[in-house]
Amino acid sequence: MAVCKCGNCGLYFWRFRRDWPPKGMCSFACNEQSKKLEPKTPPDQPQNILLVMYAHRRLAHNSSSILAWFPDCEECERLEASYSGSLQYHYAEEFRKIAENARTE
């Protein structure tokens, strides 16, 4: 038994069995709706987002440090979230490729 978050609607639900509802979905309706969605495009490369972050901080905040924190800047928050998501996605993709190569050898 576990508490899971639905990948489609974002609601938390109890998962008692591993066979139904499908993994990551809270109900049959969410499962069917997720199949209809278009595949997500991968995020931009982390190094490209990092360059945009540097440029924004240099122009908007007159700072060259990536470690400086500007809590009132919505653009900084958006770029940091985008950078974090890009790192997570691309790290998982590279790890998946390494695992596939290891299985085939």
Protein backbone atom coordinates (compact mmCIF):
# COMPACT_ATOMS: atom_id res chain seq x y z
CA MET A 1 0.00 0.00 0.00
CA ALA A 2 1.36 3.42 -0.92
CA VAL A 3 0.30 7.01 -1.44
CA CYS A 4 0.86 8.03 -5.06
CA LYS A 5 0.33 11.19 -7.09
CA CYS A 6 -1.67 10.89 -10.30
CA GLY A 7 0.40 11.75 -13.36
CA ASN A 8 -2.61 13.20 -15.14
CA CYS A 9 -4.70 15.18 -12.63
CA GLY A 10 -2.14 15.58 -9.82
CA LEU A 11 -4.37 14.19 -7.06
CA TYR A 12 -2.93 11.97 -4.34
CA PHE A 13 -4.46 8.51 -3.95
CA TRP A 14 -3.96 5.23 -2.12
CA ARG A 15 -2.52 2.45 -4.25
CA PHE A 16 -3.37 -0.96 -2.81
CA ARG A 17 -2.61 -3.26 -5.75
CA ARG A 18 -0.03 -3.11 -8.49
CA ASP A 19 -2.33 -4.16 -11.34
CA TRP A 20 -5.14 -1.58 -11.29
CA PRO A 21 -5.42 1.38 -11.76
CA PRO A 22 -2.41 1.57 -14.10
CA LYS A 23 0.81 2.74 -12.50
CA GLY A 24 0.85 6.49 -11.93
CA MET A 25 -2.87 7.02 -12.56
CA CYS A 26 -5.67 7.37 -10.00
CA SER A 27 -8.50 6.04 -12.17
CA PHE A 28 -9.48 4.56 -15.51
CA ALA A 29 -10.65 7.99 -16.71
CA CYS A 30 -7.25 9.59 -16.01
CA ASN A 31 -5.51 6.70 -17.73
CA GLU A 32 -7.63 7.12 -20.88
CA GLN A 33 -7.20 10.90 -20.88
CA SER A 34 -3.41 10.62 -20.58
CA LYS A 35 -3.32 8.38 -23.67
CA LYS A 36 -5.02 11.11 -25.70
CA LEU A 37 -2.45 13.77 -24.79
CA GLU A 38 0.27 14.58 -27.27
CA PRO A 39 3.73 13.36 -26.32
CA LYS A 40 5.70 15.95 -24.38
CA THR A 41 8.62 17.60 -26.09
CA PRO A 42 11.90 17.31 -24.23
CA PRO A 43 13.13 20.45 -22.48
CA ASP A 44 16.03 22.47 -23.82
CA GLN A 45 19.56 21.40 -22.93
CA PRO A 46 20.68 22.52 -19.43
CA GLN A 47 23.69 24.43 -20.79
CA ASN A 48 21.43 26.53 -23.04
CA ILE A 49 19.15 27.44 -20.13
CA LEU A 50 22.20 28.26 -18.01
CA LEU A 51 23.41 30.71 -20.67
CA VAL A 52 20.00 32.43 -20.62
CA MET A 53 20.20 32.60 -16.81
CA TYR A 54 23.63 34.26 -17.00
CA ALA A 55 22.40 36.77 -19.56
CA HIS A 56 19.29 37.63 -17.53
CA ARG A 57 21.25 38.13 -14.31
CA ARG A 58 23.84 40.28 -16.05
CA LEU A 59 21.25 42.51 -17.72
CA ALA A 60 18.49 42.67 -15.12
CA HIS A 61 20.46 42.46 -11.86
CA ASN A 62 23.96 43.60 -12.86
CA SER A 63 25.37 40.41 -11.39
CA SER A 64 27.69 37.85 -12.92
CA SER A 65 27.19 35.23 -10.19
CA ILE A 66 24.89 32.31 -10.83
CA LEU A 67 24.72 31.77 -7.06
CA ALA A 68 23.20 35.17 -6.29
CA TRP A 69 19.60 34.97 -5.12
CA PHE A 70 16.89 37.37 -6.25
CA PRO A 71 13.68 36.27 -4.49
CA ASP A 72 11.44 38.96 -5.98
CA CYS A 73 12.31 38.23 -9.62
CA GLU A 74 9.75 36.03 -11.38
CA GLU A 75 12.02 35.52 -14.39
CA CYS A 76 14.81 34.16 -12.15
CA GLU A 77 12.35 31.76 -10.52
CA ARG A 78 11.06 30.60 -13.92
CA LEU A 79 14.57 30.08 -15.29
CA GLU A 80 15.70 28.17 -12.20
CA ALA A 81 12.66 25.88 -12.40
CA SER A 82 13.29 25.33 -16.11
CA TYR A 83 16.95 24.54 -15.44
CA SER A 84 16.06 22.08 -12.69
CA GLY A 85 13.51 20.31 -14.87
CA SER A 86 15.96 20.12 -17.75
CA LEU A 87 18.65 18.60 -15.54
CA GLN A 88 16.24 15.99 -14.20
CA TYR A 89 14.97 15.04 -17.66
CA HIS A 90 18.35 14.81 -19.39
CA TYR A 91 20.00 13.03 -16.46
CA ALA A 92 17.23 10.39 -16.50
CA GLU A 93 17.56 9.99 -20.29
CA GLU A 94 21.34 9.49 -20.10
CA PHE A 95 20.95 7.03 -17.23
CA ARG A 96 18.35 5.10 -19.25
CA LYS A 97 20.71 4.90 -22.23
CA ILE A 98 23.56 3.68 -20.03
CA ALA A 99 21.31 1.02 -18.49
CA GLU A 100 20.16 -0.16 -21.94
CA ASN A 101 23.76 -0.41 -23.14
CA ALA A 102 24.71 -2.38 -20.04
CA ARG A 103 21.85 -4.84 -20.61
CA THR A 104 22.81 -5.46 -24.24
CA GLU A 105 26.46 -6.17 -23.46
